[in-house]
Amino acid sequence: MKQQPSDLSRRSLLKALTVGSVAGAAIAATGISAAQASESSKVTTQEPKGYHETAHIISYYDSLRS
């Protein structure tokens, strides 16, 4: 049997593509998480804390009185 010489350049290319795609997915996932975290922190600072009556709560109370 004749052994074929290993094609290291092809293996290197495939390995680089695999590692690059995994790294790209990781960067994209952390970028989305950071955007969501900063967006959610903005929302929580604007909302009043504690109990507050909104329109749907008032309409629910009105439905209980009937």
C-alpha atoms as a PDB file:
ATOM      1  CA  MET A   1       0.000   0.000   0.000  1.00  0.00           C
ATOM      2  CA  LYS A   2       1.143   3.410  -0.848  1.00  0.00           C
ATOM      3  CA  GLN A   3       0.608   6.105   1.773  1.00  0.00           C
ATOM      4  CA  GLN A   4      -0.562   9.463   0.591  1.00  0.00           C
ATOM      5  CA  PRO A   5       1.300  12.459   1.934  1.00  0.00           C
ATOM      6  CA  SER A   6      -0.794  14.414   4.385  1.00  0.00           C
ATOM      7  CA  ASP A   7      -2.018  17.730   3.122  1.00  0.00           C
ATOM      8  CA  LEU A   8      -1.207  20.000   6.058  1.00  0.00           C
ATOM      9  CA  SER A   9      -2.239  23.192   4.303  1.00  0.00           C
ATOM     10  CA  ARG A  10      -5.757  21.854   3.745  1.00  0.00           C
ATOM     11  CA  ARG A  11      -6.017  20.662   7.355  1.00  0.00           C
ATOM     12  CA  SER A  12      -4.757  24.024   8.579  1.00  0.00           C
ATOM     13  CA  LEU A  13      -7.341  25.807   6.473  1.00  0.00           C
ATOM     14  CA  LEU A  14     -10.193  23.641   7.749  1.00  0.00           C
ATOM     15  CA  LYS A  15      -9.028  24.027  11.337  1.00  0.00           C
ATOM     16  CA  ALA A  16      -8.763  27.803  10.956  1.00  0.00           C
ATOM     17  CA  LEU A  17     -12.263  28.004   9.458  1.00  0.00           C
ATOM     18  CA  THR A  18     -13.713  25.943  12.301  1.00  0.00           C
ATOM     19  CA  VAL A  19     -11.983  27.941  15.017  1.00  0.00           C
ATOM     20  CA  GLY A  20     -12.883  31.206  13.297  1.00  0.00           C
ATOM     21  CA  SER A  21     -16.558  30.339  13.010  1.00  0.00           C
ATOM     22  CA  VAL A  22     -16.727  29.290  16.668  1.00  0.00           C
ATOM     23  CA  ALA A  23     -14.957  32.465  17.730  1.00  0.00           C
ATOM     24  CA  GLY A  24     -17.275  34.569  15.563  1.00  0.00           C
ATOM     25  CA  ALA A  25     -20.325  32.928  17.095  1.00  0.00           C
ATOM     26  CA  ALA A  26     -18.967  33.542  20.595  1.00  0.00           C
ATOM     27  CA  ILE A  27     -18.300  37.199  19.846  1.00  0.00           C
ATOM     28  CA  ALA A  28     -21.745  37.623  18.325  1.00  0.00           C
ATOM     29  CA  ALA A  29     -23.412  35.958  21.317  1.00  0.00           C
ATOM     30  CA  THR A  30     -21.614  38.129  23.857  1.00  0.00           C
ATOM     31  CA  GLY A  31     -22.318  41.246  21.797  1.00  0.00           C
ATOM     32  CA  ILE A  32     -26.042  40.513  21.877  1.00  0.00           C
ATOM     33  CA  SER A  33     -25.954  39.804  25.588  1.00  0.00           C
ATOM     34  CA  ALA A  34     -24.163  43.051  26.317  1.00  0.00           C
ATOM     35  CA  ALA A  35     -26.691  45.001  24.256  1.00  0.00           C
ATOM     36  CA  GLN A  36     -29.599  43.345  26.031  1.00  0.00           C
ATOM     37  CA  ALA A  37     -28.025  43.937  29.433  1.00  0.00           C
ATOM     38  CA  SER A  38     -27.486  47.637  28.802  1.00  0.00           C
ATOM     39  CA  GLU A  39     -30.993  47.972  27.376  1.00  0.00           C
ATOM     40  CA  SER A  40     -32.598  46.206  30.323  1.00  0.00           C
ATOM     41  CA  SER A  41     -30.701  48.368  32.811  1.00  0.00           C
ATOM     42  CA  LYS A  42     -32.117  51.479  31.132  1.00  0.00           C
ATOM     43  CA  VAL A  43     -35.640  50.124  31.439  1.00  0.00           C
ATOM     44  CA  THR A  44     -35.333  49.271  35.126  1.00  0.00           C
ATOM     45  CA  THR A  45     -34.055  52.736  36.055  1.00  0.00           C
ATOM     46  CA  GLN A  46     -37.047  54.446  34.413  1.00  0.00           C
ATOM     47  CA  GLU A  47     -39.793  52.329  35.992  1.00  0.00           C
ATOM     48  CA  PRO A  48     -41.191  53.390  39.354  1.00  0.00           C
ATOM     49  CA  LYS A  49     -40.510  51.009  42.197  1.00  0.00           C
ATOM     50  CA  GLY A  50     -43.169  49.489  44.386  1.00  0.00           C
ATOM     51  CA  TYR A  51     -46.910  49.219  43.834  1.00  0.00           C
ATOM     52  CA  HIS A  52     -48.526  51.528  41.305  1.00  0.00           C
ATOM     53  CA  GLU A  53     -51.944  51.389  39.697  1.00  0.00           C
ATOM     54  CA  THR A  54     -51.946  51.204  35.948  1.00  0.00           C
ATOM     55  CA  ALA A  55     -54.902  51.296  33.577  1.00  0.00           C
ATOM     56  CA  HIS A  56     -55.256  47.526  33.392  1.00  0.00           C
ATOM     57  CA  ILE A  57     -55.154  47.180  37.197  1.00  0.00           C
ATOM     58  CA  ILE A  58     -57.856  49.812  37.591  1.00  0.00           C
ATOM     59  CA  SER A  59     -60.038  48.066  34.993  1.00  0.00           C
ATOM     60  CA  TYR A  60     -59.559  44.766  36.869  1.00  0.00           C
ATOM     61  CA  TYR A  61     -60.654  46.392  40.138  1.00  0.00           C
ATOM     62  CA  ASP A  62     -63.709  47.824  38.370  1.00  0.00           C
ATOM     63  CA  SER A  63     -64.627  44.360  37.070  1.00  0.00           C
ATOM     64  CA  LEU A  64     -64.562  42.989  40.626  1.00  0.00           C
ATOM     65  CA  ARG A  65     -67.027  45.612  41.868  1.00  0.00           C
ATOM     66  CA  SER A  66     -69.686  44.628  39.305  1.00  0.00           C
END
